[in-house]
Amino acid sequence: MEEKKTYLRKMAERLEQLDAKVAELKAKAAKAGGEAKGEIDKKAAELTTKQQEARQKLQELKESGAEKWDSLKGRAEKAQHNLEEAVAKIVAKFKK
């Protein structure tokens, strides 16, 4: 049981870190002008969708029993990984 709590806490902390990066991108979009603003806004909207998906999977994992833990854990990890990749790509693109 402690392993599950630790895992869920770490996953929630990672999602919070990703939320902060998304907020930074949104702040950059607000300051950007023209075409860059539109592109950053579009990517930020995509990230918001991925954030919601990752949070939903985390919630399902929290509510799961032992019998569904493994399958839901994999799905939650995949959703978080997809969000991490999307954030990394966007951050790299707009660091230029």
PDB file of N, CA and C in Angstrom:
ATOM      1  N   MET A   1       0.822  -1.199   0.000  1.00  0.00           N
ATOM      2  CA  MET A   1       0.000   0.000   0.000  1.00  0.00           C
ATOM      3  C   MET A   1       0.867   1.263   0.000  1.00  0.00           C
ATOM      4  N   GLU A   2       1.965   1.210   0.740  1.00  0.00           N
ATOM      5  CA  GLU A   2       2.863   2.368   0.797  1.00  0.00           C
ATOM      6  C   GLU A   2       3.486   2.634  -0.566  1.00  0.00           C
ATOM      7  N   GLU A   3       3.789   1.558  -1.297  1.00  0.00           N
ATOM      8  CA  GLU A   3       4.358   1.706  -2.632  1.00  0.00           C
ATOM      9  C   GLU A   3       3.388   2.464  -3.543  1.00  0.00           C
ATOM     10  N   LYS A   4       2.112   2.150  -3.452  1.00  0.00           N
ATOM     11  CA  LYS A   4       1.102   2.823  -4.270  1.00  0.00           C
ATOM     12  C   LYS A   4       1.034   4.304  -3.913  1.00  0.00           C
ATOM     13  N   LYS A   5       1.029   4.611  -2.630  1.00  0.00           N
ATOM     14  CA  LYS A   5       0.970   6.011  -2.192  1.00  0.00           C
ATOM     15  C   LYS A   5       2.193   6.789  -2.693  1.00  0.00           C
ATOM     16  N   THR A   6       3.356   6.190  -2.564  1.00  0.00           N
ATOM     17  CA  THR A   6       4.593   6.841  -3.010  1.00  0.00           C
ATOM     18  C   THR A   6       4.556   7.069  -4.511  1.00  0.00           C
ATOM     19  N   TYR A   7       4.133   6.060  -5.242  1.00  0.00           N
ATOM     20  CA  TYR A   7       4.052   6.170  -6.698  1.00  0.00           C
ATOM     21  C   TYR A   7       3.080   7.276  -7.110  1.00  0.00           C
ATOM     22  N   LEU A   8       1.916   7.297  -6.501  1.00  0.00           N
ATOM     23  CA  LEU A   8       0.912   8.319  -6.836  1.00  0.00           C
ATOM     24  C   LEU A   8       1.408   9.720  -6.498  1.00  0.00           C
ATOM     25  N   ARG A   9       2.098   9.847  -5.373  1.00  0.00           N
ATOM     26  CA  ARG A   9       2.635  11.159  -4.982  1.00  0.00           C
ATOM     27  C   ARG A   9       3.666  11.640  -5.992  1.00  0.00           C
ATOM     28  N   LYS A  10       4.568  10.743  -6.402  1.00  0.00           N
ATOM     29  CA  LYS A  10       5.596  11.124  -7.369  1.00  0.00           C
ATOM     30  C   LYS A  10       4.984  11.493  -8.711  1.00  0.00           C
ATOM     31  N   MET A  11       3.974  10.752  -9.121  1.00  0.00           N
ATOM     32  CA  MET A  11       3.328  11.046 -10.389  1.00  0.00           C
ATOM     33  C   MET A  11       2.610  12.409 -10.311  1.00  0.00           C
ATOM     34  N   ALA A  12       1.962  12.680  -9.216  1.00  0.00           N
ATOM     35  CA  ALA A  12       1.279  13.967  -9.037  1.00  0.00           C
ATOM     36  C   ALA A  12       2.286  15.115  -9.032  1.00  0.00           C
ATOM     37  N   GLU A  13       3.425  14.921  -8.388  1.00  0.00           N
ATOM     38  CA  GLU A  13       4.473  15.954  -8.366  1.00  0.00           C
ATOM     39  C   GLU A  13       4.993  16.227  -9.774  1.00  0.00           C
ATOM     40  N   ARG A  14       5.186  15.172 -10.553  1.00  0.00           N
ATOM     41  CA  ARG A  14       5.674  15.344 -11.926  1.00  0.00           C
ATOM     42  C   ARG A  14       4.658  16.098 -12.767  1.00  0.00           C
ATOM     43  N   LEU A  15       3.388  15.797 -12.584  1.00  0.00           N
ATOM     44  CA  LEU A  15       2.356  16.517 -13.324  1.00  0.00           C
ATOM     45  C   LEU A  15       2.336  17.998 -12.933  1.00  0.00           C
ATOM     46  N   GLU A  16       2.586  18.289 -11.671  1.00  0.00           N
ATOM     47  CA  GLU A  16       2.651  19.685 -11.235  1.00  0.00           C
ATOM     48  C   GLU A  16       3.809  20.409 -11.916  1.00  0.00           C
ATOM     49  N   GLN A  17       4.941  19.735 -12.052  1.00  0.00           N
ATOM     50  CA  GLN A  17       6.093  20.330 -12.739  1.00  0.00           C
ATOM     51  C   GLN A  17       5.757  20.606 -14.203  1.00  0.00           C
ATOM     52  N   LEU A  18       5.078  19.673 -14.825  1.00  0.00           N
ATOM     53  CA  LEU A  18       4.677  19.865 -16.218  1.00  0.00           C
ATOM     54  C   LEU A  18       3.654  20.987 -16.337  1.00  0.00           C
ATOM     55  N   ASP A  19       2.765  21.099 -15.361  1.00  0.00           N
ATOM     56  CA  ASP A  19       1.795  22.203 -15.346  1.00  0.00           C
ATOM     57  C   ASP A  19       2.516  23.546 -15.328  1.00  0.00           C
ATOM     58  N   ALA A  20       3.591  23.627 -14.553  1.00  0.00           N
ATOM     59  CA  ALA A  20       4.362  24.867 -14.471  1.00  0.00           C
ATOM     60  C   ALA A  20       4.991  25.204 -15.817  1.00  0.00           C
ATOM     61  N   LYS A  21       5.491  24.205 -16.521  1.00  0.00           N
ATOM     62  CA  LYS A  21       6.082  24.451 -17.840  1.00  0.00           C
ATOM     63  C   LYS A  21       5.022  24.908 -18.838  1.00  0.00           C
ATOM     64  N   VAL A  22       3.851  24.321 -18.760  1.00  0.00           N
ATOM     65  CA  VAL A  22       2.758  24.731 -19.650  1.00  0.00           C
ATOM     66  C   VAL A  22       2.362  26.177 -19.343  1.00  0.00           C
ATOM     67  N   ALA A  23       2.324  26.520 -18.077  1.00  0.00           N
ATOM     68  CA  ALA A  23       2.000  27.900 -17.694  1.00  0.00           C
ATOM     69  C   ALA A  23       3.044  28.870 -18.244  1.00  0.00           C
ATOM     70  N   GLU A  24       4.310  28.487 -18.230  1.00  0.00           N
ATOM     71  CA  GLU A  24       5.367  29.319 -18.799  1.00  0.00           C
ATOM     72  C   GLU A  24       5.140  29.539 -20.287  1.00  0.00           C
ATOM     73  N   LEU A  25       4.779  28.467 -20.982  1.00  0.00           N
ATOM     74  CA  LEU A  25       4.513  28.585 -22.421  1.00  0.00           C
ATOM     75  C   LEU A  25       3.340  29.519 -22.685  1.00  0.00           C
ATOM     76  N   LYS A  26       2.313  29.418 -21.870  1.00  0.00           N
ATOM     77  CA  LYS A  26       1.147  30.288 -22.040  1.00  0.00           C
ATOM     78  C   LYS A  26       1.526  31.741 -21.780  1.00  0.00           C
ATOM     79  N   ALA A  27       2.417  31.955 -20.806  1.00  0.00           N
ATOM     80  CA  ALA A  27       2.878  33.313 -20.529  1.00  0.00           C
ATOM     81  C   ALA A  27       3.679  33.859 -21.705  1.00  0.00           C
ATOM     82  N   LYS A  28       4.495  33.008 -22.321  1.00  0.00           N
ATOM     83  CA  LYS A  28       5.254  33.424 -23.510  1.00  0.00           C
ATOM     84  C   LYS A  28       4.311  33.760 -24.651  1.00  0.00           C
ATOM     85  N   ALA A  29       3.253  32.989 -24.781  1.00  0.00           N
ATOM     86  CA  ALA A  29       2.281  33.241 -25.843  1.00  0.00           C
ATOM     87  C   ALA A  29       1.629  34.596 -25.649  1.00  0.00           C
ATOM     88  N   ALA A  30       1.347  34.936 -24.402  1.00  0.00           N
ATOM     89  CA  ALA A  30       0.717  36.216 -24.113  1.00  0.00           C
ATOM     90  C   ALA A  30       1.624  37.381 -24.487  1.00  0.00           C
ATOM     91  N   LYS A  31       2.939  37.177 -24.369  1.00  0.00           N
ATOM     92  CA  LYS A  31       3.903  38.227 -24.687  1.00  0.00           C
ATOM     93  C   LYS A  31       4.297  38.238 -26.161  1.00  0.00           C
ATOM     94  N   ALA A  32       4.156  37.095 -26.800  1.00  0.00           N
ATOM     95  CA  ALA A  32       4.568  36.983 -28.206  1.00  0.00           C
ATOM     96  C   ALA A  32       3.611  37.757 -29.102  1.00  0.00           C
ATOM     97  N   GLY A  33       4.072  38.025 -30.258  1.00  0.00           N
ATOM     98  CA  GLY A  33       3.234  38.752 -31.201  1.00  0.00           C
ATOM     99  C   GLY A  33       3.007  37.943 -32.457  1.00  0.00           C
ATOM    100  N   GLY A  34       1.986  38.298 -33.171  1.00  0.00           N
ATOM    101  CA  GLY A  34       1.708  37.759 -34.486  1.00  0.00           C
ATOM    102  C   GLY A  34       1.627  36.261 -34.588  1.00  0.00           C
ATOM    103  N   GLU A  35       2.370  35.744 -35.554  1.00  0.00           N
ATOM    104  CA  GLU A  35       2.331  34.329 -35.885  1.00  0.00           C
ATOM    105  C   GLU A  35       2.802  33.449 -34.721  1.00  0.00           C
ATOM    106  N   ALA A  36       3.829  33.895 -34.025  1.00  0.00           N
ATOM    107  CA  ALA A  36       4.364  33.115 -32.910  1.00  0.00           C
ATOM    108  C   ALA A  36       3.310  32.930 -31.826  1.00  0.00           C
ATOM    109  N   LYS A  37       2.553  33.975 -31.542  1.00  0.00           N
ATOM    110  CA  LYS A  37       1.515  33.881 -30.522  1.00  0.00           C
ATOM    111  C   LYS A  37       0.476  32.841 -30.909  1.00  0.00           C
ATOM    112  N   GLY A  38       0.043  32.880 -32.139  1.00  0.00           N
ATOM    113  CA  GLY A  38      -0.953  31.922 -32.596  1.00  0.00           C
ATOM    114  C   GLY A  38      -0.462  30.489 -32.504  1.00  0.00           C
ATOM    115  N   GLU A  39       0.790  30.287 -32.888  1.00  0.00           N
ATOM    116  CA  GLU A  39       1.353  28.940 -32.843  1.00  0.00           C
ATOM    117  C   GLU A  39       1.514  28.443 -31.409  1.00  0.00           C
ATOM    118  N   ILE A  40       2.009  29.316 -30.533  1.00  0.00           N
ATOM    119  CA  ILE A  40       2.169  28.924 -29.131  1.00  0.00           C
ATOM    120  C   ILE A  40       0.804  28.665 -28.503  1.00  0.00           C
ATOM    121  N   ASP A  41      -0.178  29.504 -28.796  1.00  0.00           N
ATOM    122  CA  ASP A  41      -1.528  29.300 -28.269  1.00  0.00           C
ATOM    123  C   ASP A  41      -2.090  27.946 -28.693  1.00  0.00           C
ATOM    124  N   LYS A  42      -1.881  27.603 -29.948  1.00  0.00           N
ATOM    125  CA  LYS A  42      -2.385  26.330 -30.468  1.00  0.00           C
ATOM    126  C   LYS A  42      -1.712  25.162 -29.745  1.00  0.00           C
ATOM    127  N   LYS A  43      -0.412  25.232 -29.596  1.00  0.00           N
ATOM    128  CA  LYS A  43       0.322  24.158 -28.920  1.00  0.00           C
ATOM    129  C   LYS A  43      -0.055  24.085 -27.440  1.00  0.00           C
ATOM    130  N   ALA A  44      -0.275  25.224 -26.823  1.00  0.00           N
ATOM    131  CA  ALA A  44      -0.676  25.250 -25.414  1.00  0.00           C
ATOM    132  C   ALA A  44      -2.045  24.592 -25.237  1.00  0.00           C
ATOM    133  N   ALA A  45      -2.940  24.801 -26.184  1.00  0.00           N
ATOM    134  CA  ALA A  45      -4.252  24.161 -26.127  1.00  0.00           C
ATOM    135  C   ALA A  45      -4.116  22.644 -26.233  1.00  0.00           C
ATOM    136  N   GLU A  46      -3.216  22.185 -27.089  1.00  0.00           N
ATOM    137  CA  GLU A  46      -2.962  20.746 -27.212  1.00  0.00           C
ATOM    138  C   GLU A  46      -2.411  20.193 -25.897  1.00  0.00           C
ATOM    139  N   LEU A  47      -1.531  20.958 -25.268  1.00  0.00           N
ATOM    140  CA  LEU A  47      -0.957  20.519 -24.001  1.00  0.00           C
ATOM    141  C   LEU A  47      -2.026  20.446 -22.913  1.00  0.00           C
ATOM    142  N   THR A  48      -2.951  21.388 -22.928  1.00  0.00           N
ATOM    143  CA  THR A  48      -4.025  21.383 -21.940  1.00  0.00           C
ATOM    144  C   THR A  48      -4.833  20.095 -22.048  1.00  0.00           C
ATOM    145  N   THR A  49      -5.093  19.662 -23.271  1.00  0.00           N
ATOM    146  CA  THR A  49      -5.816  18.415 -23.481  1.00  0.00           C
ATOM    147  C   THR A  49      -5.024  17.236 -22.921  1.00  0.00           C
ATOM    148  N   LYS A  50      -3.732  17.223 -23.175  1.00  0.00           N
ATOM    149  CA  LYS A  50      -2.875  16.140 -22.671  1.00  0.00           C
ATOM    150  C   LYS A  50      -2.776  16.188 -21.138  1.00  0.00           C
ATOM    151  N   GLN A  51      -2.769  17.390 -20.568  1.00  0.00           N
ATOM    152  CA  GLN A  51      -2.752  17.529 -19.112  1.00  0.00           C
ATOM    153  C   GLN A  51      -4.015  16.913 -18.517  1.00  0.00           C
ATOM    154  N   GLN A  52      -5.154  17.242 -19.095  1.00  0.00           N
ATOM    155  CA  GLN A  52      -6.421  16.718 -18.600  1.00  0.00           C
ATOM    156  C   GLN A  52      -6.448  15.192 -18.682  1.00  0.00           C
ATOM    157  N   GLU A  53      -5.938  14.659 -19.772  1.00  0.00           N
ATOM    158  CA  GLU A  53      -5.885  13.214 -19.953  1.00  0.00           C
ATOM    159  C   GLU A  53      -5.001  12.567 -18.883  1.00  0.00           C
ATOM    160  N   ALA A  54      -3.837  13.140 -18.645  1.00  0.00           N
ATOM    161  CA  ALA A  54      -2.921  12.594 -17.638  1.00  0.00           C
ATOM    162  C   ALA A  54      -3.533  12.669 -16.247  1.00  0.00           C
ATOM    163  N   ARG A  55      -4.182  13.767 -15.937  1.00  0.00           N
ATOM    164  CA  ARG A  55      -4.822  13.907 -14.621  1.00  0.00           C
ATOM    165  C   ARG A  55      -5.971  12.907 -14.452  1.00  0.00           C
ATOM    166  N   GLN A  56      -6.715  12.685 -15.522  1.00  0.00           N
ATOM    167  CA  GLN A  56      -7.818  11.718 -15.471  1.00  0.00           C
ATOM    168  C   GLN A  56      -7.276  10.311 -15.202  1.00  0.00           C
ATOM    169  N   LYS A  57      -6.192   9.950 -15.887  1.00  0.00           N
ATOM    170  CA  LYS A  57      -5.599   8.628 -15.685  1.00  0.00           C
ATOM    171  C   LYS A  57      -5.046   8.492 -14.262  1.00  0.00           C
ATOM    172  N   LEU A  58      -4.472   9.558 -13.743  1.00  0.00           N
ATOM    173  CA  LEU A  58      -3.972   9.529 -12.369  1.00  0.00           C
ATOM    174  C   LEU A  58      -5.131   9.324 -11.396  1.00  0.00           C
ATOM    175  N   GLN A  59      -6.229  10.007 -11.631  1.00  0.00           N
ATOM    176  CA  GLN A  59      -7.400   9.854 -10.763  1.00  0.00           C
ATOM    177  C   GLN A  59      -7.940   8.426 -10.822  1.00  0.00           C
ATOM    178  N   GLU A  60      -8.001   7.853 -12.019  1.00  0.00           N
ATOM    179  CA  GLU A  60      -8.449   6.468 -12.163  1.00  0.00           C
ATOM    180  C   GLU A  60      -7.520   5.529 -11.398  1.00  0.00           C
ATOM    181  N   LEU A  61      -6.235   5.819 -11.464  1.00  0.00           N
ATOM    182  CA  LEU A  61      -5.257   5.001 -10.754  1.00  0.00           C
ATOM    183  C   LEU A  61      -5.454   5.102  -9.242  1.00  0.00           C
ATOM    184  N   LYS A  62      -5.726   6.310  -8.760  1.00  0.00           N
ATOM    185  CA  LYS A  62      -5.969   6.508  -7.324  1.00  0.00           C
ATOM    186  C   LYS A  62      -7.170   5.700  -6.852  1.00  0.00           C
ATOM    187  N   GLU A  63      -8.173   5.631  -7.690  1.00  0.00           N
ATOM    188  CA  GLU A  63      -9.422   4.970  -7.313  1.00  0.00           C
ATOM    189  C   GLU A  63      -9.419   3.466  -7.586  1.00  0.00           C
ATOM    190  N   SER A  64      -8.365   2.980  -8.216  1.00  0.00           N
ATOM    191  CA  SER A  64      -8.323   1.577  -8.607  1.00  0.00           C
ATOM    192  C   SER A  64      -8.038   0.657  -7.438  1.00  0.00           C
ATOM    193  N   GLY A  65      -8.510  -0.558  -7.592  1.00  0.00           N
ATOM    194  CA  GLY A  65      -8.183  -1.607  -6.638  1.00  0.00           C
ATOM    195  C   GLY A  65      -6.962  -2.357  -7.142  1.00  0.00           C
ATOM    196  N   ALA A  66      -6.510  -3.273  -6.373  1.00  0.00           N
ATOM    197  CA  ALA A  66      -5.312  -4.040  -6.715  1.00  0.00           C
ATOM    198  C   ALA A  66      -5.459  -4.785  -8.028  1.00  0.00           C
ATOM    199  N   GLU A  67      -6.667  -5.233  -8.345  1.00  0.00           N
ATOM    200  CA  GLU A  67      -6.876  -6.018  -9.559  1.00  0.00           C
ATOM    201  C   GLU A  67      -6.688  -5.220 -10.841  1.00  0.00           C
ATOM    202  N   LYS A  68      -6.894  -3.916 -10.800  1.00  0.00           N
ATOM    203  CA  LYS A  68      -6.750  -3.082 -11.997  1.00  0.00           C
ATOM    204  C   LYS A  68      -5.497  -2.216 -11.964  1.00  0.00           C
ATOM    205  N   TRP A  69      -4.756  -2.269 -10.886  1.00  0.00           N
ATOM    206  CA  TRP A  69      -3.614  -1.388 -10.685  1.00  0.00           C
ATOM    207  C   TRP A  69      -2.618  -1.456 -11.836  1.00  0.00           C
ATOM    208  N   ASP A  70      -2.193  -2.647 -12.225  1.00  0.00           N
ATOM    209  CA  ASP A  70      -1.158  -2.773 -13.252  1.00  0.00           C
ATOM    210  C   ASP A  70      -1.584  -2.209 -14.597  1.00  0.00           C
ATOM    211  N   SER A  71      -2.797  -2.533 -15.032  1.00  0.00           N
ATOM    212  CA  SER A  71      -3.232  -2.032 -16.341  1.00  0.00           C
ATOM    213  C   SER A  71      -3.443  -0.522 -16.319  1.00  0.00           C
ATOM    214  N   LEU A  72      -4.006  -0.013 -15.242  1.00  0.00           N
ATOM    215  CA  LEU A  72      -4.216   1.437 -15.149  1.00  0.00           C
ATOM    216  C   LEU A  72      -2.898   2.181 -14.953  1.00  0.00           C
ATOM    217  N   LYS A  73      -1.967   1.576 -14.265  1.00  0.00           N
ATOM    218  CA  LYS A  73      -0.650   2.198 -14.062  1.00  0.00           C
ATOM    219  C   LYS A  73       0.029   2.416 -15.407  1.00  0.00           C
ATOM    220  N   GLY A  74      -0.039   1.426 -16.278  1.00  0.00           N
ATOM    221  CA  GLY A  74       0.553   1.558 -17.609  1.00  0.00           C
ATOM    222  C   GLY A  74      -0.090   2.670 -18.412  1.00  0.00           C
ATOM    223  N   ARG A  75      -1.398   2.770 -18.328  1.00  0.00           N
ATOM    224  CA  ARG A  75      -2.109   3.828 -19.060  1.00  0.00           C
ATOM    225  C   ARG A  75      -1.766   5.212 -18.511  1.00  0.00           C
ATOM    226  N   ALA A  76      -1.677   5.311 -17.195  1.00  0.00           N
ATOM    227  CA  ALA A  76      -1.332   6.592 -16.573  1.00  0.00           C
ATOM    228  C   ALA A  76       0.085   7.008 -16.952  1.00  0.00           C
ATOM    229  N   GLU A  77       0.999   6.047 -16.946  1.00  0.00           N
ATOM    230  CA  GLU A  77       2.378   6.345 -17.327  1.00  0.00           C
ATOM    231  C   GLU A  77       2.457   6.785 -18.780  1.00  0.00           C
ATOM    232  N   LYS A  78       1.693   6.146 -19.645  1.00  0.00           N
ATOM    233  CA  LYS A  78       1.692   6.518 -21.057  1.00  0.00           C
ATOM    234  C   LYS A  78       1.151   7.934 -21.247  1.00  0.00           C
ATOM    235  N   ALA A  79       0.071   8.271 -20.563  1.00  0.00           N
ATOM    236  CA  ALA A  79      -0.493   9.616 -20.670  1.00  0.00           C
ATOM    237  C   ALA A  79       0.504  10.662 -20.177  1.00  0.00           C
ATOM    238  N   GLN A  80       1.172  10.371 -19.069  1.00  0.00           N
ATOM    239  CA  GLN A  80       2.170  11.307 -18.543  1.00  0.00           C
ATOM    240  C   GLN A  80       3.349  11.414 -19.498  1.00  0.00           C
ATOM    241  N   HIS A  81       3.783  10.314 -20.052  1.00  0.00           N
ATOM    242  CA  HIS A  81       4.900  10.321 -20.997  1.00  0.00           C
ATOM    243  C   HIS A  81       4.546  11.143 -22.245  1.00  0.00           C
ATOM    244  N   ASN A  82       3.327  10.979 -22.745  1.00  0.00           N
ATOM    245  CA  ASN A  82       2.883  11.752 -23.906  1.00  0.00           C
ATOM    246  C   ASN A  82       2.914  13.251 -23.603  1.00  0.00           C
ATOM    247  N   LEU A  83       2.487  13.614 -22.414  1.00  0.00           N
ATOM    248  CA  LEU A  83       2.515  15.012 -22.011  1.00  0.00           C
ATOM    249  C   LEU A  83       3.951  15.508 -21.911  1.00  0.00           C
ATOM    250  N   GLU A  84       4.820  14.727 -21.299  1.00  0.00           N
ATOM    251  CA  GLU A  84       6.225  15.115 -21.166  1.00  0.00           C
ATOM    252  C   GLU A  84       6.876  15.328 -22.531  1.00  0.00           C
ATOM    253  N   GLU A  85       6.628  14.426 -23.455  1.00  0.00           N
ATOM    254  CA  GLU A  85       7.196  14.563 -24.799  1.00  0.00           C
ATOM    255  C   GLU A  85       6.679  15.813 -25.495  1.00  0.00           C
ATOM    256  N   ALA A  86       5.385  16.052 -25.392  1.00  0.00           N
ATOM    257  CA  ALA A  86       4.795  17.219 -26.048  1.00  0.00           C
ATOM    258  C   ALA A  86       5.371  18.513 -25.466  1.00  0.00           C
ATOM    259  N   VAL A  87       5.499  18.578 -24.152  1.00  0.00           N
ATOM    260  CA  VAL A  87       6.070  19.762 -23.508  1.00  0.00           C
ATOM    261  C   VAL A  87       7.512  19.956 -23.960  1.00  0.00           C
ATOM    262  N   ALA A  88       8.295  18.891 -23.965  1.00  0.00           N
ATOM    263  CA  ALA A  88       9.700  18.990 -24.359  1.00  0.00           C
ATOM    264  C   ALA A  88       9.848  19.483 -25.798  1.00  0.00           C
ATOM    265  N   LYS A  89       9.026  18.973 -26.699  1.00  0.00           N
ATOM    266  CA  LYS A  89       9.090  19.399 -28.097  1.00  0.00           C
ATOM    267  C   LYS A  89       8.754  20.879 -28.247  1.00  0.00           C
ATOM    268  N   ILE A  90       7.726  21.303 -27.548  1.00  0.00           N
ATOM    269  CA  ILE A  90       7.304  22.700 -27.669  1.00  0.00           C
ATOM    270  C   ILE A  90       8.329  23.626 -27.027  1.00  0.00           C
ATOM    271  N   VAL A  91       8.833  23.243 -25.873  1.00  0.00           N
ATOM    272  CA  VAL A  91       9.855  24.068 -25.207  1.00  0.00           C
ATOM    273  C   VAL A  91      11.077  24.191 -26.106  1.00  0.00           C
ATOM    274  N   ALA A  92      11.519  23.087 -26.708  1.00  0.00           N
ATOM    275  CA  ALA A  92      12.684  23.115 -27.594  1.00  0.00           C
ATOM    276  C   ALA A  92      12.437  24.004 -28.802  1.00  0.00           C
ATOM    277  N   LYS A  93      11.252  23.923 -29.346  1.00  0.00           N
ATOM    278  CA  LYS A  93      10.921  24.703 -30.538  1.00  0.00           C
ATOM    279  C   LYS A  93      10.928  26.210 -30.261  1.00  0.00           C
ATOM    280  N   PHE A  94      10.398  26.587 -29.112  1.00  0.00           N
ATOM    281  CA  PHE A  94      10.257  28.009 -28.833  1.00  0.00           C
ATOM    282  C   PHE A  94      11.403  28.589 -28.003  1.00  0.00           C
ATOM    283  N   LYS A  95      12.424  27.808 -27.728  1.00  0.00           N
ATOM    284  CA  LYS A  95      13.610  28.341 -27.067  1.00  0.00           C
ATOM    285  C   LYS A  95      14.482  29.102 -28.038  1.00  0.00           C
ATOM    286  N   LYS A  96      14.293  28.830 -29.302  1.00  0.00           N
ATOM    287  CA  LYS A  96      15.128  29.440 -30.340  1.00  0.00           C
ATOM    288  C   LYS A  96      14.989  30.928 -30.390  1.00  0.00           C
TER     289      LYS A  96
END
